[in-house]
Amino acid sequence: MIRARPTALLLGLLWLATLGACGGVKPYERGLLAKPKMQVDPSPEATLLQNHVYDYREGSAGATGAVGGGCGCN
């Protein structure tokens, strides 16, 4: 019971610290956040091409899907 109090206190402080991050986005800030640089993958076409070239070069099936051998026969 004595050890539960510091753990509960620490979790409570952590929870209070995360509440500060819960804020709304104002309409004039949405334009800045919608830019391609702010996305997780700013250029999905380039990433798709890079993954295809990597799979072709390696001749293996990676996490991007099933591919054929190194000869280019998918």
C-alpha atoms as a PDB file:
ATOM      1  CA  MET A   1       0.000   0.000   0.000  1.00  0.00           C
ATOM      2  CA  ILE A   2       2.877   2.344   0.721  1.00  0.00           C
ATOM      3  CA  ARG A   3       4.413   1.778  -2.742  1.00  0.00           C
ATOM      4  CA  ALA A   4       1.110   2.400  -4.492  1.00  0.00           C
ATOM      5  CA  ARG A   5       1.036   6.069  -3.507  1.00  0.00           C
ATOM      6  CA  PRO A   6       4.216   7.193  -5.341  1.00  0.00           C
ATOM      7  CA  THR A   7       3.132   5.228  -8.423  1.00  0.00           C
ATOM      8  CA  ALA A   8      -0.353   6.730  -8.326  1.00  0.00           C
ATOM      9  CA  LEU A   9       1.115  10.191  -7.795  1.00  0.00           C
ATOM     10  CA  LEU A  10       3.493   9.761 -10.715  1.00  0.00           C
ATOM     11  CA  LEU A  11       0.709   8.526 -12.997  1.00  0.00           C
ATOM     12  CA  GLY A  12      -1.500  11.410 -11.908  1.00  0.00           C
ATOM     13  CA  LEU A  13       1.202  13.961 -12.689  1.00  0.00           C
ATOM     14  CA  LEU A  14       1.844  12.330 -16.051  1.00  0.00           C
ATOM     15  CA  TRP A  15      -1.865  12.457 -16.840  1.00  0.00           C
ATOM     16  CA  LEU A  16      -2.015  16.145 -15.900  1.00  0.00           C
ATOM     17  CA  ALA A  17       1.007  16.891 -18.083  1.00  0.00           C
ATOM     18  CA  THR A  18      -0.644  15.297 -21.113  1.00  0.00           C
ATOM     19  CA  LEU A  19      -3.784  17.385 -20.676  1.00  0.00           C
ATOM     20  CA  GLY A  20      -1.832  20.427 -21.797  1.00  0.00           C
ATOM     21  CA  ALA A  21      -1.434  18.867 -25.247  1.00  0.00           C
ATOM     22  CA  CYS A  22      -5.200  18.590 -25.742  1.00  0.00           C
ATOM     23  CA  GLY A  23      -5.961  21.768 -27.594  1.00  0.00           C
ATOM     24  CA  GLY A  24      -8.010  22.717 -30.573  1.00  0.00           C
ATOM     25  CA  VAL A  25      -6.663  23.939 -33.866  1.00  0.00           C
ATOM     26  CA  LYS A  26      -7.846  27.371 -34.850  1.00  0.00           C
ATOM     27  CA  PRO A  27      -9.165  27.835 -38.407  1.00  0.00           C
ATOM     28  CA  TYR A  28      -6.263  30.082 -39.422  1.00  0.00           C
ATOM     29  CA  GLU A  29      -3.751  27.421 -38.259  1.00  0.00           C
ATOM     30  CA  ARG A  30      -5.204  24.652 -40.413  1.00  0.00           C
ATOM     31  CA  GLY A  31      -3.585  25.925 -43.593  1.00  0.00           C
ATOM     32  CA  LEU A  32      -0.131  25.589 -42.041  1.00  0.00           C
ATOM     33  CA  LEU A  33      -0.824  22.093 -40.715  1.00  0.00           C
ATOM     34  CA  ALA A  34      -2.219  20.899 -44.055  1.00  0.00           C
ATOM     35  CA  LYS A  35       1.050  21.449 -45.921  1.00  0.00           C
ATOM     36  CA  PRO A  36       2.720  18.334 -47.383  1.00  0.00           C
ATOM     37  CA  LYS A  37       5.742  18.766 -45.091  1.00  0.00           C
ATOM     38  CA  MET A  38       3.532  18.191 -42.062  1.00  0.00           C
ATOM     39  CA  GLN A  39       2.252  14.798 -43.231  1.00  0.00           C
ATOM     40  CA  VAL A  40       3.747  11.494 -42.127  1.00  0.00           C
ATOM     41  CA  ASP A  41       4.782  10.652 -45.684  1.00  0.00           C
ATOM     42  CA  PRO A  42       5.197  13.923 -47.617  1.00  0.00           C
ATOM     43  CA  SER A  43       5.608  12.235 -51.015  1.00  0.00           C
ATOM     44  CA  PRO A  44       3.801   8.878 -51.194  1.00  0.00           C
ATOM     45  CA  GLU A  45       4.535   8.466 -54.927  1.00  0.00           C
ATOM     46  CA  ALA A  46       8.292   8.749 -54.369  1.00  0.00           C
ATOM     47  CA  THR A  47       8.097   6.285 -51.480  1.00  0.00           C
ATOM     48  CA  LEU A  48       6.153   3.808 -53.610  1.00  0.00           C
ATOM     49  CA  LEU A  49       8.732   4.061 -56.399  1.00  0.00           C
ATOM     50  CA  GLN A  50      11.607   3.724 -53.947  1.00  0.00           C
ATOM     51  CA  ASN A  51      10.044   0.587 -52.410  1.00  0.00           C
ATOM     52  CA  HIS A  52       9.484  -0.907 -55.871  1.00  0.00           C
ATOM     53  CA  VAL A  53      13.117  -0.300 -56.867  1.00  0.00           C
ATOM     54  CA  TYR A  54      14.326  -1.758 -53.566  1.00  0.00           C
ATOM     55  CA  ASP A  55      12.181  -4.896 -53.961  1.00  0.00           C
ATOM     56  CA  TYR A  56      13.363  -5.330 -57.548  1.00  0.00           C
ATOM     57  CA  ARG A  57      17.002  -4.914 -56.580  1.00  0.00           C
ATOM     58  CA  GLU A  58      16.847  -7.248 -53.607  1.00  0.00           C
ATOM     59  CA  GLY A  59      14.751  -9.899 -55.372  1.00  0.00           C
ATOM     60  CA  SER A  60      12.860 -10.610 -52.198  1.00  0.00           C
ATOM     61  CA  ALA A  61       9.441 -10.090 -50.711  1.00  0.00           C
ATOM     62  CA  GLY A  62       9.561  -7.311 -48.183  1.00  0.00           C
ATOM     63  CA  ALA A  63       6.968  -5.634 -46.038  1.00  0.00           C
ATOM     64  CA  THR A  64       5.640  -3.780 -49.090  1.00  0.00           C
ATOM     65  CA  GLY A  65       4.078  -6.879 -50.668  1.00  0.00           C
ATOM     66  CA  ALA A  66       4.899  -9.971 -52.653  1.00  0.00           C
ATOM     67  CA  VAL A  67       7.253  -9.531 -55.582  1.00  0.00           C
ATOM     68  CA  GLY A  68       8.981 -11.877 -57.992  1.00  0.00           C
ATOM     69  CA  GLY A  69      12.642 -12.675 -58.371  1.00  0.00           C
ATOM     70  CA  GLY A  70      15.494 -10.300 -59.131  1.00  0.00           C
ATOM     71  CA  CYS A  71      14.942 -10.733 -62.858  1.00  0.00           C
ATOM     72  CA  GLY A  72      12.008  -8.298 -62.868  1.00  0.00           C
ATOM     73  CA  CYS A  73       9.327 -10.894 -63.486  1.00  0.00           C
ATOM     74  CA  ASN A  74       6.630  -9.882 -61.014  1.00  0.00           C
END
